[in-house]
Structures are given as structure tokens and as C-alpha cells.
Amino acid sequence: MILTAVVVVIVVAVVFDYTNGFHDAANAIATSVATRALSPRVALAMAAVMNLIGAFLGTEVASTVGSGIIEAPQGMSGLAVVLAALLGAIAWNLVTWWFGLPSSSSHALIGGLVGAATASAGTVKWDGVVEKVLVPMVLSPVVGFVLAGLVMIAILWIFKDRNPTRLSRGFRHAQTVSAAAMALGHGLQDAQKTMGVIVLALVVGGFHQGSEVPWWVVLISAGALSAGTYAGGWRIMRTLGRRIIDLDPPRGFAAELTASAVLYTTAFAFAAPISTTQTITSSILGVGATKRLSAVRWNVAGNIAVAWVVTLPAAALCAALAFWAIHPLVT
């Protein structure tokens, strides 16, 4: 019974990872597609490959998600908590994808873990939630906005006397590199979150000890994320690529460069599971503001901000409801 439950949780975790991929595909490539630096299918293929590579670059974030957010009970009750967390995160991913809102799959998963643990009267490690989730959730968009604006100002100053047509052509080529870096950072961050949940399920099921991630968990997490990325997330891609601001190649490059730098820093230096969605969106807003404030469609940005704020509690509620439905069936 326990083994069957663990297998079910792993399968659902892979489904979540897949939805994460198509939900967040826009994070890596929307700016490159919007500026026509890359065609959509080429961009998706490149993003899928870089997601796969990025997933093998570290497991620090996986350890944070697997052991630093909640303390699940052993046995079937603990597996019910993990399963409910995943179902809550998947439900919120599908809702926001349907409406084309670039919400955070990372925060949906964290909210799901907190909601399911709370519904089970389990232990939520609030210090870890505050330090590794809430503080980065507030700081990373601010850093992305400011840093992207500064990078864009530097680009405008350095290339102020260059021919605009040749400059755009050059930055289109540069965006191939910056989009690849962004996709690598997305794989580094987001695949690890699924790894952490699978390890958590193995631990509470009694099939694993500690927070070390087995190689096969890395492999299936990376594969599911890459497959989901290649499937694409066209609704959200339109929002990020066209509805916030009309991007040009230099601004697209600056946004991707900044966002990828923030992703690498938080993953390697702080082991913090930050939102790739928040990071790239705030970077796009930052480069857009250097054009003129009115160039940014602030009403669209406001809708995105509401989705950011609502994601944690909404996913937590979905996960709590899922736990109350599942728990009587498994105990």
C-alpha cells in the first residue's frame, strides 16, 4: 500500500513538473520570440534542451523544498500531505494558465505544501518559509526591476551613437545567448523543486533517508520539465512578450541577462526557490520603464502582481481542500 502510494505521488509530481514546463515556457523565450530573435519552435526546442541541462547543475534548492518548508508525518498520512500539495499546485497552475497570467509555479508548490501541512495539523517550518520564500519573493522582483533598468541604461549609453538597424540585428543574435542562459536558469531552479517533493515523498514513505537527490529523480524531473517546456505556453507567452510592453532586441537582451543572473545567484548562493516568472516579468518592467513610464501597460502589470500575491494562499487553499478529500480515503 505504501509503495503504491509513493508511486502515485511520484507520477503526480511528474505531472506537476510537466505543467510547470508549459506554464513557465514563456519565462525563457517570450522576449526572444516577441523581438523575432528566434522563431517560436526553435526557441521552445532550445529552452527544452537548456532546461534539461540546467536541472543537472545543482540540488541545493531541492534540499530546501524537500526538507526546509514542512515536516510531513511518516507513512500514508505524510504521503497524503505531499499528494495534496501537488494537486493544489497543479490546480492553480491550470487556472492561471487558462487566463494567461504568468503566476509562479514555485510559489504554487510552496503554497500547496504549506496548505496541505496546515490542513493535516502538521508542522510548517515558518522560519524556512519566511527566509527562503517570502523574503526572496519580495526582493527578487525589486532587484530584477532595478538591475534590468540599470543594465538597459548602460546599453543605451554605450551604444548611443550606433546605427539603430545594425544595433537591433546584433542584439537579436545576442538574445540567442541570453535566452539560453535564462532557460538554463529556469531548469536549475524549477526542476529542483519537483526533485525536492519526490525526495520528500520517498522519505515519508520510508524508501529514502536524508535530503540527497537520487540520480533517477534528477533525470525524470529534468525530462518532465523539458517536455512541458517544448509543449509551450502560448497564452502566457503573449502576455509576457507583447501585452506588458512592445519589446525591442536590446531591451529583450537586458531583461533576459538580468533575470538569468538573479536566478543563478539565488540558486547557488542562497539555495532559495525563487520564482522565474516574477524575475523575468520584473526585468521586462525594468527595461520598459527606461523607454518611458507610459510605454509599460501598467494595468496588465497590475493583474500580474495580483496573481503573484494571490498564488500562495490560493494554492494553499486548493491543497487543503485536496487533503481533506484524500485523507479519509487513505487512513
Protein backbone atom coordinates (compact mmCIF):
# COMPACT_ATOMS: atom_id res chain seq x y z
CA MET A 1 0.00 0.00 0.00
CA ILE A 2 2.80 2.41 0.93
CA LEU A 3 4.77 1.58 -2.23
CA THR A 4 1.69 2.14 -4.40
CA ALA A 5 1.07 5.49 -2.72
CA VAL A 6 4.69 6.57 -3.27
CA VAL A 7 4.46 5.66 -6.96
CA VAL A 8 1.20 7.64 -7.29
CA VAL A 9 2.82 10.69 -5.65
CA ILE A 10 5.83 10.46 -7.96
CA VAL A 11 3.57 10.24 -11.03
CA VAL A 12 1.59 13.29 -9.87
CA ALA A 13 4.87 15.12 -9.18
CA VAL A 14 5.95 14.43 -12.76
CA VAL A 15 2.58 15.78 -13.98
CA PHE A 16 3.16 18.93 -11.91
CA ASP A 17 6.64 19.24 -13.41
CA TYR A 18 5.15 18.98 -16.89
CA THR A 19 2.57 21.71 -16.14
CA ASN A 20 5.41 23.78 -14.70
CA GLY A 21 7.21 23.43 -18.01
CA PHE A 22 4.39 24.58 -20.29
CA HIS A 23 3.21 27.17 -17.74
CA ASP A 24 6.69 28.70 -17.45
CA ALA A 25 7.98 28.18 -21.01
CA ALA A 26 7.30 31.85 -21.60
CA ASN A 27 9.79 32.79 -18.89
CA ALA A 28 12.72 31.75 -21.01
CA ILE A 29 11.67 32.62 -24.55
CA ALA A 30 8.82 35.16 -24.66
CA THR A 31 11.16 38.12 -25.07
CA SER A 32 13.18 36.42 -27.83
CA VAL A 33 10.04 35.42 -29.72
CA ALA A 34 8.48 38.87 -29.30
CA THR A 35 11.57 40.58 -30.77
CA ARG A 36 11.79 37.92 -33.53
CA ALA A 37 15.27 36.94 -32.44
CA LEU A 38 14.06 33.32 -32.52
CA SER A 39 11.12 31.56 -34.11
CA PRO A 40 8.69 30.05 -31.57
CA ARG A 41 9.53 26.39 -32.28
CA VAL A 42 13.29 26.96 -32.36
CA ALA A 43 13.04 28.94 -29.13
CA LEU A 44 10.99 26.18 -27.45
CA ALA A 45 13.42 23.47 -28.57
CA MET A 46 16.38 25.48 -27.30
CA ALA A 47 14.62 26.17 -24.00
CA ALA A 48 13.76 22.48 -23.54
CA VAL A 49 17.39 21.44 -24.06
CA MET A 50 18.74 24.13 -21.72
CA ASN A 51 16.10 23.26 -19.09
CA LEU A 52 17.35 19.68 -19.24
CA ILE A 53 20.98 20.73 -18.79
CA GLY A 54 20.14 23.22 -16.03
CA ALA A 55 18.42 20.56 -13.97
CA PHE A 56 21.73 18.72 -13.55
CA LEU A 57 23.68 21.71 -12.25
CA GLY A 58 22.73 21.53 -8.58
CA THR A 59 20.39 20.25 -5.88
CA GLU A 60 20.58 22.96 -3.20
CA VAL A 61 17.10 24.27 -3.97
CA ALA A 62 15.74 20.71 -3.95
CA SER A 63 17.03 20.28 -0.40
CA THR A 64 15.25 23.48 0.66
CA VAL A 65 11.93 22.35 -0.81
CA GLY A 66 12.26 18.76 0.42
CA SER A 67 13.27 19.47 4.00
CA GLY A 68 13.07 23.19 4.71
CA ILE A 69 9.36 24.04 4.26
CA ILE A 70 7.30 21.42 6.11
CA GLU A 71 7.81 18.39 8.30
CA ALA A 72 5.46 15.72 6.99
CA PRO A 73 4.48 12.71 9.14
CA GLN A 74 5.69 9.26 8.18
CA GLY A 75 3.54 6.77 6.31
CA MET A 76 0.24 7.26 4.50
CA SER A 77 -0.65 10.50 6.28
CA GLY A 78 2.59 12.09 5.10
CA LEU A 79 2.08 10.88 1.55
CA ALA A 80 -1.45 12.32 1.62
CA VAL A 81 0.08 15.70 2.56
CA VAL A 82 2.57 15.58 -0.33
CA LEU A 83 -0.07 14.41 -2.82
CA ALA A 84 -2.49 17.16 -1.76
CA ALA A 85 0.26 19.78 -2.08
CA LEU A 86 0.96 18.68 -5.65
CA LEU A 87 -2.74 18.62 -6.60
CA GLY A 88 -3.22 22.12 -5.19
CA ALA A 89 -0.22 23.42 -7.16
CA ILE A 90 -1.40 21.75 -10.38
CA ALA A 91 -4.91 23.17 -9.96
CA TRP A 92 -3.59 26.72 -9.54
CA ASN A 93 -1.16 26.33 -12.46
CA LEU A 94 -4.02 25.32 -14.75
CA VAL A 95 -6.26 28.18 -13.59
CA THR A 96 -3.59 30.84 -14.17
CA TRP A 97 -2.53 29.26 -17.47
CA TRP A 98 -6.13 29.35 -18.70
CA PHE A 99 -6.35 33.08 -18.00
CA GLY A 100 -2.87 33.75 -19.39
CA LEU A 101 -1.50 35.03 -16.08
CA PRO A 102 2.24 34.44 -15.50
CA SER A 103 1.94 33.34 -11.88
CA SER A 104 4.67 31.41 -10.10
CA SER A 105 4.69 27.60 -10.24
CA SER A 106 7.30 27.72 -7.48
CA HIS A 107 5.04 29.66 -5.16
CA ALA A 108 2.10 27.43 -6.11
CA LEU A 109 4.10 24.41 -4.95
CA ILE A 110 5.27 26.12 -1.74
CA GLY A 111 1.71 27.27 -1.04
CA GLY A 112 0.48 23.74 -1.68
CA LEU A 113 2.96 22.29 0.83
CA VAL A 114 2.03 24.86 3.48
CA GLY A 115 -1.72 24.43 2.89
CA ALA A 116 -1.64 20.64 2.99
CA ALA A 117 0.56 20.60 6.10
CA THR A 118 -1.71 23.08 7.86
CA ALA A 119 -4.83 21.10 6.95
CA SER A 120 -3.23 17.97 8.40
CA ALA A 121 -2.32 19.80 11.62
CA GLY A 122 1.30 19.11 10.69
CA THR A 123 4.42 21.20 11.13
CA VAL A 124 5.18 24.15 8.87
CA LYS A 125 8.74 25.44 9.21
CA TRP A 126 7.78 29.10 9.19
CA ASP A 127 11.37 30.29 9.61
CA GLY A 128 12.26 28.49 6.40
CA VAL A 129 9.16 29.81 4.62
CA VAL A 130 9.98 33.40 5.60
CA GLU A 131 13.73 33.20 4.94
CA LYS A 132 13.72 31.08 1.78
CA VAL A 133 10.38 32.02 0.21
CA LEU A 134 8.73 35.22 1.43
CA VAL A 135 11.85 37.40 1.63
CA PRO A 136 13.13 36.33 -1.84
CA MET A 137 9.56 36.71 -3.17
CA VAL A 138 9.64 40.39 -2.22
CA LEU A 139 13.27 41.12 -3.01
CA SER A 140 13.79 39.29 -6.32
CA PRO A 141 11.26 41.37 -8.34
CA VAL A 142 12.70 44.59 -6.89
CA VAL A 143 16.24 43.51 -7.71
CA GLY A 144 15.16 42.39 -11.18
CA PHE A 145 13.37 45.69 -11.89
CA VAL A 146 16.20 47.93 -10.70
CA LEU A 147 19.06 45.89 -12.12
CA ALA A 148 17.38 45.48 -15.52
CA GLY A 149 16.79 49.23 -15.66
CA LEU A 150 20.46 49.91 -14.88
CA VAL A 151 21.64 47.37 -17.47
CA MET A 152 19.38 48.97 -20.08
CA ILE A 153 20.61 52.48 -19.24
CA ALA A 154 24.20 51.24 -19.63
CA ILE A 155 23.36 49.71 -23.03
CA LEU A 156 21.69 52.94 -24.18
CA TRP A 157 24.72 54.98 -23.12
CA ILE A 158 27.35 52.62 -24.57
CA PHE A 159 25.61 52.24 -27.95
CA LYS A 160 24.08 55.73 -28.24
CA ASP A 161 25.99 56.56 -31.44
CA ARG A 162 25.47 53.25 -33.23
CA ASN A 163 23.21 52.65 -36.21
CA PRO A 164 19.80 51.53 -34.85
CA THR A 165 19.22 48.92 -37.56
CA ARG A 166 22.62 47.27 -37.13
CA LEU A 167 22.25 47.52 -33.36
CA SER A 168 18.93 45.67 -33.40
CA ARG A 169 20.40 42.97 -35.64
CA GLY A 170 23.33 42.49 -33.29
CA PHE A 171 21.15 42.27 -30.20
CA ARG A 172 18.90 39.72 -31.92
CA HIS A 173 21.95 37.48 -32.18
CA ALA A 174 22.88 38.26 -28.57
CA GLN A 175 19.39 37.28 -27.46
CA THR A 176 20.06 33.72 -28.57
CA VAL A 177 22.69 33.56 -25.83
CA SER A 178 20.67 35.43 -23.20
CA ALA A 179 17.55 33.31 -23.84
CA ALA A 180 19.66 30.16 -23.49
CA ALA A 181 21.05 31.49 -20.19
CA MET A 182 17.52 32.22 -18.98
CA ALA A 183 16.34 28.71 -19.92
CA LEU A 184 19.34 27.20 -18.14
CA GLY A 185 18.45 29.17 -15.00
CA HIS A 186 14.83 28.04 -15.28
CA GLY A 187 15.93 24.40 -15.39
CA LEU A 188 18.30 24.98 -12.48
CA GLN A 189 15.54 26.48 -10.33
CA ASP A 190 12.28 24.79 -11.29
CA ALA A 191 13.30 21.18 -11.87
CA GLN A 192 14.86 21.13 -8.41
CA LYS A 193 11.52 21.93 -6.77
CA THR A 194 9.98 18.76 -8.15
CA MET A 195 13.08 16.81 -7.12
CA GLY A 196 12.61 18.07 -3.58
CA VAL A 197 8.98 16.95 -3.44
CA ILE A 198 9.80 13.49 -4.79
CA VAL A 199 12.57 13.08 -2.22
CA LEU A 200 10.11 14.20 0.49
CA ALA A 201 7.67 11.50 -0.66
CA LEU A 202 10.42 8.87 -0.61
CA VAL A 203 11.45 9.90 2.91
CA VAL A 204 7.94 9.84 4.43
CA GLY A 205 7.28 6.55 2.64
CA GLY A 206 10.37 5.03 4.24
CA PHE A 207 12.29 4.45 0.99
CA HIS A 208 14.99 7.12 1.43
CA GLN A 209 16.93 8.92 4.14
CA GLY A 210 18.30 12.45 4.15
CA SER A 211 17.88 15.15 1.51
CA GLU A 212 20.31 13.85 -1.12
CA VAL A 213 18.63 13.58 -4.53
CA PRO A 214 18.98 10.20 -6.32
CA TRP A 215 20.15 10.37 -9.93
CA TRP A 216 16.91 8.90 -11.29
CA VAL A 217 14.88 11.64 -9.57
CA VAL A 218 17.03 14.28 -11.29
CA LEU A 219 16.53 12.51 -14.61
CA ILE A 220 12.73 12.24 -14.52
CA SER A 221 12.32 15.77 -13.13
CA ALA A 222 14.52 17.23 -15.85
CA GLY A 223 12.77 15.21 -18.55
CA ALA A 224 9.25 16.19 -17.49
CA LEU A 225 10.15 19.89 -17.25
CA SER A 226 11.79 19.83 -20.67
CA ALA A 227 8.83 18.02 -22.26
CA GLY A 228 6.41 20.53 -20.77
CA THR A 229 8.57 23.42 -21.94
CA TYR A 230 8.57 22.12 -25.51
CA ALA A 231 4.78 21.79 -25.37
CA GLY A 232 4.75 25.56 -24.91
CA GLY A 233 2.61 28.00 -23.01
CA TRP A 234 1.29 30.29 -25.71
CA ARG A 235 -1.29 32.13 -23.60
CA ILE A 236 1.28 33.30 -21.07
CA MET A 237 3.86 33.91 -23.79
CA ARG A 238 1.60 36.51 -25.35
CA THR A 239 1.24 38.26 -22.01
CA LEU A 240 4.96 38.43 -21.28
CA GLY A 241 6.12 39.07 -24.84
CA ARG A 242 3.57 41.57 -26.11
CA ARG A 243 1.00 42.75 -23.59
CA ILE A 244 3.32 44.30 -20.98
CA ILE A 245 5.48 46.32 -23.38
CA ASP A 246 6.48 46.31 -27.05
CA LEU A 247 9.99 44.91 -26.67
CA ASP A 248 12.93 45.59 -28.96
CA PRO A 249 16.05 43.36 -29.10
CA PRO A 250 18.27 45.46 -26.78
CA ARG A 251 15.57 45.52 -24.10
CA GLY A 252 14.86 41.84 -24.55
CA PHE A 253 18.56 41.06 -24.11
CA ALA A 254 18.84 43.25 -20.99
CA ALA A 255 15.77 41.63 -19.41
CA GLU A 256 16.99 38.07 -20.06
CA LEU A 257 20.53 38.80 -18.94
CA THR A 258 19.33 40.32 -15.67
CA ALA A 259 16.78 37.61 -14.90
CA SER A 260 19.25 34.78 -15.52
CA ALA A 261 21.83 36.43 -13.25
CA VAL A 262 19.28 36.66 -10.43
CA LEU A 263 18.28 33.01 -10.90
CA TYR A 264 21.87 31.75 -10.72
CA THR A 265 22.71 33.87 -7.70
CA THR A 266 19.70 32.79 -5.65
CA ALA A 267 20.14 29.10 -6.56
CA PHE A 268 23.86 28.78 -5.90
CA ALA A 269 24.42 31.39 -3.18
CA PHE A 270 21.19 31.20 -1.17
CA ALA A 271 19.51 27.88 -2.16
CA ALA A 272 16.29 29.91 -2.38
CA PRO A 273 13.43 28.62 -4.59
CA ILE A 274 12.55 31.92 -6.24
CA SER A 275 10.02 32.50 -8.99
CA THR A 276 11.41 32.59 -12.52
CA THR A 277 8.11 34.20 -13.55
CA GLN A 278 8.49 37.09 -11.13
CA THR A 279 12.12 37.55 -12.05
CA ILE A 280 11.67 37.84 -15.83
CA THR A 281 8.46 39.86 -15.55
CA SER A 282 10.02 42.43 -13.22
CA SER A 283 13.05 42.61 -15.52
CA ILE A 284 10.79 43.31 -18.50
CA LEU A 285 9.09 46.06 -16.49
CA GLY A 286 12.50 47.48 -15.58
CA VAL A 287 13.74 47.72 -19.16
CA GLY A 288 10.36 49.05 -20.28
CA ALA A 289 10.46 51.87 -17.76
CA THR A 290 13.70 53.18 -19.31
CA LYS A 291 11.82 53.86 -22.53
CA ARG A 292 9.15 55.91 -20.78
CA LEU A 293 6.80 55.07 -17.97
CA SER A 294 3.77 55.23 -20.26
CA ALA A 295 5.32 52.56 -22.52
CA VAL A 296 4.56 49.96 -19.86
CA ARG A 297 0.96 48.74 -19.75
CA TRP A 298 0.64 49.09 -16.00
CA ASN A 299 -2.89 47.65 -15.92
CA VAL A 300 -1.52 44.34 -17.25
CA ALA A 301 1.38 44.57 -14.78
CA GLY A 302 -1.16 45.15 -12.01
CA ASN A 303 -3.08 41.99 -12.94
CA ILE A 304 0.18 40.04 -12.84
CA ALA A 305 1.04 41.49 -9.43
CA VAL A 306 -2.36 40.42 -8.10
CA ALA A 307 -1.66 36.87 -9.35
CA TRP A 308 1.70 36.93 -7.55
CA VAL A 309 0.11 37.94 -4.25
CA VAL A 310 -2.81 35.53 -4.54
CA THR A 311 -0.80 32.46 -5.62
CA LEU A 312 0.50 31.34 -2.21
CA PRO A 313 -2.84 31.49 -0.35
CA ALA A 314 -4.87 30.23 -3.34
CA ALA A 315 -2.63 27.20 -3.88
CA ALA A 316 -2.64 26.60 -0.12
CA LEU A 317 -6.44 26.58 -0.11
CA CYS A 318 -6.57 24.20 -3.10
CA ALA A 319 -4.12 21.87 -1.35
CA ALA A 320 -6.05 21.99 1.93
CA LEU A 321 -9.27 21.03 0.13
CA ALA A 322 -7.42 18.23 -1.66
CA PHE A 323 -6.05 16.92 1.66
CA TRP A 324 -9.49 16.89 3.29
CA ALA A 325 -10.78 14.90 0.30
CA ILE A 326 -7.85 12.46 0.18
CA HIS A 327 -7.12 11.80 3.84
CA PRO A 328 -10.31 9.80 4.66
CA LEU A 329 -9.57 7.52 1.71
CA VAL A 330 -6.05 6.56 2.81
CA THR A 331 -6.40 6.30 6.60
